[in-house]
Structures are given as structure tokens and as C-alpha cells.
C-alpha atoms as a PDB file:
ATOM      1  CA  UNK A   1     148.314 -78.672 230.446  1.00  0.00           C
ATOM      2  CA  UNK A   2     150.322 -81.217 228.422  1.00  0.00           C
ATOM      3  CA  UNK A   3     148.675 -83.522 225.953  1.00  0.00           C
ATOM      4  CA  UNK A   4     148.550 -87.270 225.755  1.00  0.00           C
ATOM      5  CA  UNK A   5     151.817 -87.506 223.806  1.00  0.00           C
ATOM      6  CA  UNK A   6     153.672 -85.505 226.453  1.00  0.00           C
ATOM      7  CA  UNK A   7     152.248 -87.588 229.311  1.00  0.00           C
ATOM      8  CA  UNK A   8     153.187 -90.819 227.536  1.00  0.00           C
ATOM      9  CA  UNK A   9     156.673 -89.463 226.858  1.00  0.00           C
ATOM     10  CA  UNK A  10     157.111 -88.628 230.538  1.00  0.00           C
ATOM     11  CA  UNK A  11     155.867 -92.116 231.446  1.00  0.00           C
ATOM     12  CA  UNK A  12     158.428 -93.696 229.102  1.00  0.00           C
ATOM     13  CA  UNK A  13     161.238 -91.672 230.650  1.00  0.00           C
ATOM     14  CA  UNK A  14     160.180 -92.582 234.190  1.00  0.00           C
ATOM     15  CA  UNK A  15     159.881 -96.296 233.395  1.00  0.00           C
ATOM     16  CA  UNK A  16     163.226 -96.299 231.581  1.00  0.00           C
ATOM     17  CA  UNK A  17     164.920 -94.535 234.495  1.00  0.00           C
ATOM     18  CA  UNK A  18     163.375 -96.971 236.977  1.00  0.00           C
ATOM     19  CA  UNK A  19     164.762 -99.896 234.985  1.00  0.00           C
ATOM     20  CA  UNK A  20     168.212 -98.326 234.614  1.00  0.00           C
ATOM     21  CA  UNK A  21     168.497 -97.377 238.288  1.00  0.00           C
ATOM     22  CA  UNK A  22     167.449-100.805 239.507  1.00  0.00           C
ATOM     23  CA  UNK A  23     170.353-102.690 237.970  1.00  0.00           C
ATOM     24  CA  UNK A  24     168.032-105.709 237.846  1.00  0.00           C
ATOM     25  CA  UNK A  25     167.585-108.131 235.012  1.00  0.00           C
ATOM     26  CA  UNK A  26     163.808-107.965 234.637  1.00  0.00           C
ATOM     27  CA  UNK A  27     163.577-111.602 233.644  1.00  0.00           C
ATOM     28  CA  UNK A  28     165.427-112.596 236.811  1.00  0.00           C
ATOM     29  CA  UNK A  29     163.590-110.178 239.081  1.00  0.00           C
ATOM     30  CA  UNK A  30     164.309-111.079 242.656  1.00  0.00           C
ATOM     31  CA  UNK A  31     161.376-111.751 244.909  1.00  0.00           C
ATOM     32  CA  UNK A  32     163.459-110.385 247.754  1.00  0.00           C
ATOM     33  CA  UNK A  33     162.451-106.954 246.478  1.00  0.00           C
ATOM     34  CA  UNK A  34     159.628-105.296 248.420  1.00  0.00           C
ATOM     35  CA  UNK A  35     156.271-106.636 247.151  1.00  0.00           C
ATOM     36  CA  UNK A  36     154.994-103.168 246.415  1.00  0.00           C
ATOM     37  CA  UNK A  37     158.023-102.298 244.299  1.00  0.00           C
ATOM     38  CA  UNK A  38     158.963-105.531 242.528  1.00  0.00           C
ATOM     39  CA  UNK A  39     158.612-105.299 238.759  1.00  0.00           C
ATOM     40  CA  UNK A  40     155.040-106.159 237.898  1.00  0.00           C
ATOM     41  CA  UNK A  41     153.983-105.579 241.515  1.00  0.00           C
ATOM     42  CA  UNK A  42     151.659-103.090 243.133  1.00  0.00           C
ATOM     43  CA  UNK A  43     153.604 -99.970 242.166  1.00  0.00           C
ATOM     44  CA  UNK A  44     153.735-100.929 238.496  1.00  0.00           C
ATOM     45  CA  UNK A  45     150.039-101.792 238.309  1.00  0.00           C
ATOM     46  CA  UNK A  46     148.877 -98.750 240.257  1.00  0.00           C
ATOM     47  CA  UNK A  47     151.273 -96.408 238.465  1.00  0.00           C
ATOM     48  CA  UNK A  48     150.064 -97.676 235.088  1.00  0.00           C
ATOM     49  CA  UNK A  49     146.401 -97.162 235.861  1.00  0.00           C
ATOM     50  CA  UNK A  50     147.055 -93.780 237.471  1.00  0.00           C
ATOM     51  CA  UNK A  51     148.824 -92.578 234.339  1.00  0.00           C
ATOM     52  CA  UNK A  52     145.898 -93.729 232.226  1.00  0.00           C
ATOM     53  CA  UNK A  53     143.589 -91.887 234.604  1.00  0.00           C
ATOM     54  CA  UNK A  54     145.647 -88.713 234.267  1.00  0.00           C
ATOM     55  CA  UNK A  55     145.631 -89.002 230.494  1.00  0.00           C
ATOM     56  CA  UNK A  56     141.996 -89.912 229.939  1.00  0.00           C
ATOM     57  CA  UNK A  57     139.753 -89.330 232.976  1.00  0.00           C
ATOM     58  CA  UNK A  58     138.738 -85.919 231.663  1.00  0.00           C
ATOM     59  CA  UNK A  59     137.015 -87.745 228.781  1.00  0.00           C
ATOM     60  CA  UNK A  60     136.080 -91.034 230.475  1.00  0.00           C
ATOM     61  CA  UNK A  61     134.181 -90.506 233.738  1.00  0.00           C
ATOM     62  CA  UNK A  62     134.423 -94.198 234.696  1.00  0.00           C
ATOM     63  CA  UNK A  63     138.169 -93.682 235.240  1.00  0.00           C
ATOM     64  CA  UNK A  64     137.469 -91.169 238.005  1.00  0.00           C
ATOM     65  CA  UNK A  65     137.727 -93.676 240.831  1.00  0.00           C
ATOM     66  CA  UNK A  66     140.229 -94.344 243.603  1.00  0.00           C
ATOM     67  CA  UNK A  67     139.756 -98.111 243.091  1.00  0.00           C
ATOM     68  CA  UNK A  68     142.556 -99.737 241.114  1.00  0.00           C
ATOM     69  CA  UNK A  69     140.381-102.700 240.150  1.00  0.00           C
ATOM     70  CA  UNK A  70     137.482-100.516 239.015  1.00  0.00           C
ATOM     71  CA  UNK A  71     139.824 -98.267 237.045  1.00  0.00           C
ATOM     72  CA  UNK A  72     141.435-101.274 235.333  1.00  0.00           C
ATOM     73  CA  UNK A  73     138.030-102.465 234.191  1.00  0.00           C
ATOM     74  CA  UNK A  74     137.100 -98.967 233.039  1.00  0.00           C
ATOM     75  CA  UNK A  75     140.348 -98.689 231.064  1.00  0.00           C
ATOM     76  CA  UNK A  76     139.641-102.005 229.365  1.00  0.00           C
ATOM     77  CA  UNK A  77     136.017-101.039 228.661  1.00  0.00           C
ATOM     78  CA  UNK A  78     137.217 -97.779 227.088  1.00  0.00           C
ATOM     79  CA  UNK A  79     139.790 -99.578 224.927  1.00  0.00           C
ATOM     80  CA  UNK A  80     142.754 -97.962 226.690  1.00  0.00           C
ATOM     81  CA  UNK A  81     144.041-101.404 227.660  1.00  0.00           C
ATOM     82  CA  UNK A  82     143.383-104.659 225.875  1.00  0.00           C
ATOM     83  CA  UNK A  83     141.055-106.808 227.971  1.00  0.00           C
ATOM     84  CA  UNK A  84     143.778-109.455 228.260  1.00  0.00           C
ATOM     85  CA  UNK A  85     146.288-106.852 229.482  1.00  0.00           C
ATOM     86  CA  UNK A  86     143.825-105.541 232.071  1.00  0.00           C
ATOM     87  CA  UNK A  87     143.303-109.123 233.269  1.00  0.00           C
ATOM     88  CA  UNK A  88     147.066-109.628 233.607  1.00  0.00           C
ATOM     89  CA  UNK A  89     147.448-106.417 235.617  1.00  0.00           C
ATOM     90  CA  UNK A  90     144.471-107.293 237.789  1.00  0.00           C
ATOM     91  CA  UNK A  91     145.808-110.802 238.443  1.00  0.00           C
ATOM     92  CA  UNK A  92     149.163-109.364 239.536  1.00  0.00           C
ATOM     93  CA  UNK A  93     147.535-106.745 241.738  1.00  0.00           C
ATOM     94  CA  UNK A  94     145.330-109.354 243.416  1.00  0.00           C
ATOM     95  CA  UNK A  95     148.157-111.865 243.906  1.00  0.00           C
ATOM     96  CA  UNK A  96     150.605-109.347 245.347  1.00  0.00           C
ATOM     97  CA  UNK A  97     147.949-107.818 247.608  1.00  0.00           C
ATOM     98  CA  UNK A  98     146.807-111.225 248.851  1.00  0.00           C
ATOM     99  CA  UNK A  99     150.410-112.379 249.349  1.00  0.00           C
ATOM    100  CA  UNK A 100     151.230-109.272 251.356  1.00  0.00           C
ATOM    101  CA  UNK A 101     148.154-109.802 253.538  1.00  0.00           C
ATOM    102  CA  UNK A 102     148.992-113.481 254.048  1.00  0.00           C
ATOM    103  CA  UNK A 103     152.562-112.586 254.999  1.00  0.00           C
ATOM    104  CA  UNK A 104     151.207-110.262 257.677  1.00  0.00           C
ATOM    105  CA  UNK A 105     149.059-113.072 259.077  1.00  0.00           C
ATOM    106  CA  UNK A 106     151.881-115.641 258.953  1.00  0.00           C
ATOM    107  CA  UNK A 107     154.459-113.411 260.619  1.00  0.00           C
ATOM    108  CA  UNK A 108     152.167-111.467 262.890  1.00  0.00           C
ATOM    109  CA  UNK A 109     153.508-108.174 261.590  1.00  0.00           C
ATOM    110  CA  UNK A 110     153.635-106.293 258.323  1.00  0.00           C
ATOM    111  CA  UNK A 111     156.203-107.830 256.011  1.00  0.00           C
ATOM    112  CA  UNK A 112     156.974-106.838 252.455  1.00  0.00           C
ATOM    113  CA  UNK A 113     159.139-109.684 251.173  1.00  0.00           C
ATOM    114  CA  UNK A 114     158.163-113.165 250.106  1.00  0.00           C
ATOM    115  CA  UNK A 115     160.261-115.876 251.764  1.00  0.00           C
ATOM    116  CA  UNK A 116     162.025-118.152 249.289  1.00  0.00           C
ATOM    117  CA  UNK A 117     162.130-121.316 251.367  1.00  0.00           C
ATOM    118  CA  UNK A 118     161.436-122.874 254.736  1.00  0.00           C
ATOM    119  CA  UNK A 119     158.507-123.059 257.083  1.00  0.00           C
ATOM    120  CA  UNK A 120     157.408-119.496 256.453  1.00  0.00           C
ATOM    121  CA  UNK A 121     157.078-120.126 252.728  1.00  0.00           C
ATOM    122  CA  UNK A 122     155.183-123.363 253.428  1.00  0.00           C
ATOM    123  CA  UNK A 123     152.801-121.450 255.721  1.00  0.00           C
ATOM    124  CA  UNK A 124     152.316-118.772 253.070  1.00  0.00           C
ATOM    125  CA  UNK A 125     151.647-121.454 250.443  1.00  0.00           C
ATOM    126  CA  UNK A 126     148.986-123.090 252.616  1.00  0.00           C
ATOM    127  CA  UNK A 127     147.361-119.731 253.402  1.00  0.00           C
ATOM    128  CA  UNK A 128     147.252-118.966 249.667  1.00  0.00           C
ATOM    129  CA  UNK A 129     145.325-122.195 249.083  1.00  0.00           C
ATOM    130  CA  UNK A 130     148.064-124.648 248.153  1.00  0.00           C
ATOM    131  CA  UNK A 131     147.836-128.107 249.673  1.00  0.00           C
ATOM    132  CA  UNK A 132     150.257-129.199 252.388  1.00  0.00           C
ATOM    133  CA  UNK A 133     151.572-131.820 249.946  1.00  0.00           C
ATOM    134  CA  UNK A 134     152.441-129.317 247.225  1.00  0.00           C
ATOM    135  CA  UNK A 135     155.896-127.842 246.777  1.00  0.00           C
ATOM    136  CA  UNK A 136     155.935-124.385 248.439  1.00  0.00           C
ATOM    137  CA  UNK A 137     158.332-123.294 245.695  1.00  0.00           C
ATOM    138  CA  UNK A 138     155.311-123.288 243.376  1.00  0.00           C
ATOM    139  CA  UNK A 139     154.198-120.110 245.168  1.00  0.00           C
ATOM    140  CA  UNK A 140     157.463-118.414 244.234  1.00  0.00           C
ATOM    141  CA  UNK A 141     157.189-119.641 240.642  1.00  0.00           C
ATOM    142  CA  UNK A 142     153.574-118.457 240.326  1.00  0.00           C
ATOM    143  CA  UNK A 143     154.483-115.109 241.848  1.00  0.00           C
ATOM    144  CA  UNK A 144     157.349-114.602 239.407  1.00  0.00           C
ATOM    145  CA  UNK A 145     155.267-115.655 236.377  1.00  0.00           C
ATOM    146  CA  UNK A 146     152.410-113.371 237.325  1.00  0.00           C
ATOM    147  CA  UNK A 147     154.525-110.307 238.055  1.00  0.00           C
ATOM    148  CA  UNK A 148     156.640-110.795 234.911  1.00  0.00           C
ATOM    149  CA  UNK A 149     153.503-110.884 232.780  1.00  0.00           C
ATOM    150  CA  UNK A 150     152.311-107.670 234.432  1.00  0.00           C
ATOM    151  CA  UNK A 151     155.669-106.017 233.864  1.00  0.00           C
ATOM    152  CA  UNK A 152     155.492-106.924 230.172  1.00  0.00           C
ATOM    153  CA  UNK A 153     152.114-105.127 229.969  1.00  0.00           C
ATOM    154  CA  UNK A 154     153.594-102.039 231.637  1.00  0.00           C
ATOM    155  CA  UNK A 155     156.494-102.004 229.193  1.00  0.00           C
ATOM    156  CA  UNK A 156     154.202-102.455 226.188  1.00  0.00           C
ATOM    157  CA  UNK A 157     151.876 -99.744 227.440  1.00  0.00           C
ATOM    158  CA  UNK A 158     154.608 -97.159 227.836  1.00  0.00           C
ATOM    159  CA  UNK A 159     157.238 -98.311 225.379  1.00  0.00           C
ATOM    160  CA  UNK A 160     159.915 -98.865 228.021  1.00  0.00           C
END
């Protein structure tokens, strides 16, 4: 079985390939991407914690959990992630998960893309707790800020 250095090297290669294949400018990541796959979204957060679980769960029993949120806390408690980085990843995971659930309620079917304008975005904004008077575009801005911060943690963690 490969050691920690080999697992981290594989992680770096996979992250680098994902970036190269996307053709996206990470700082201008488009919210039209599927919520689960957008940079800093569910896939990034879950992939990051799963790699840490693969690397360290044999030594840290608290990482042996199917819960992303519990594993993030365990990784922070064990010093595998800085507490601030774990908080950033958790915030992104929660926001993207909640947004995806709200989109399902607003549209009446499973949807995986955040609208960028119009009544649907206004409905999503209200369901996420924004007032009817607020600019629905704030939802898009918050989403982008949160997922970009999470992506920066992923890149720092794996040297992408």
C-alpha cells in the first residue's frame, strides 16, 4: 500500500488534471456549472476529506465516518486541516447543499444549476433567507465567494 507522499502526489496530479481539462479560469468560475462539480463545490469538499480519510483513517479512528461534516471536524481536531480551512470547506459544503435543496423546492424537480437572474433567482434568494427587498444577485456573489474560498483550501491542501 502506498504511503502518504504517494497519495498526496496522486491527489496533486488529479487536481491538476481536473483544472487543465476544465478550461475554466478558477477566479471566474461559472455558476452555470453543476453545483456538485463547480470548483469549491460538493465534489471538491468531499474529495478533499475522502483523500484525508484514505491517508490517515488507519491512525485516526474519528476519520472513519461516512459523514462529511463529522470527518471535516475530525480532520481539524487531528491537525490535518487548519481549523479555519475546515470551516471554509464546511461553509461551502453547507451552502452548496442548501442551495441545491432550495433549487429542488423552487423548481419542483432536482436541478443542479444556480439561476443567475430572474424570478427563479429571487425565489432562491428568499428561500435562502434573504429579504424580498435585497438584490437576488447577492446570492450569486455569496455563492462565488464561498466556493472560491473552498477551492483555495483544496489547492493549498494538495499543492495544485
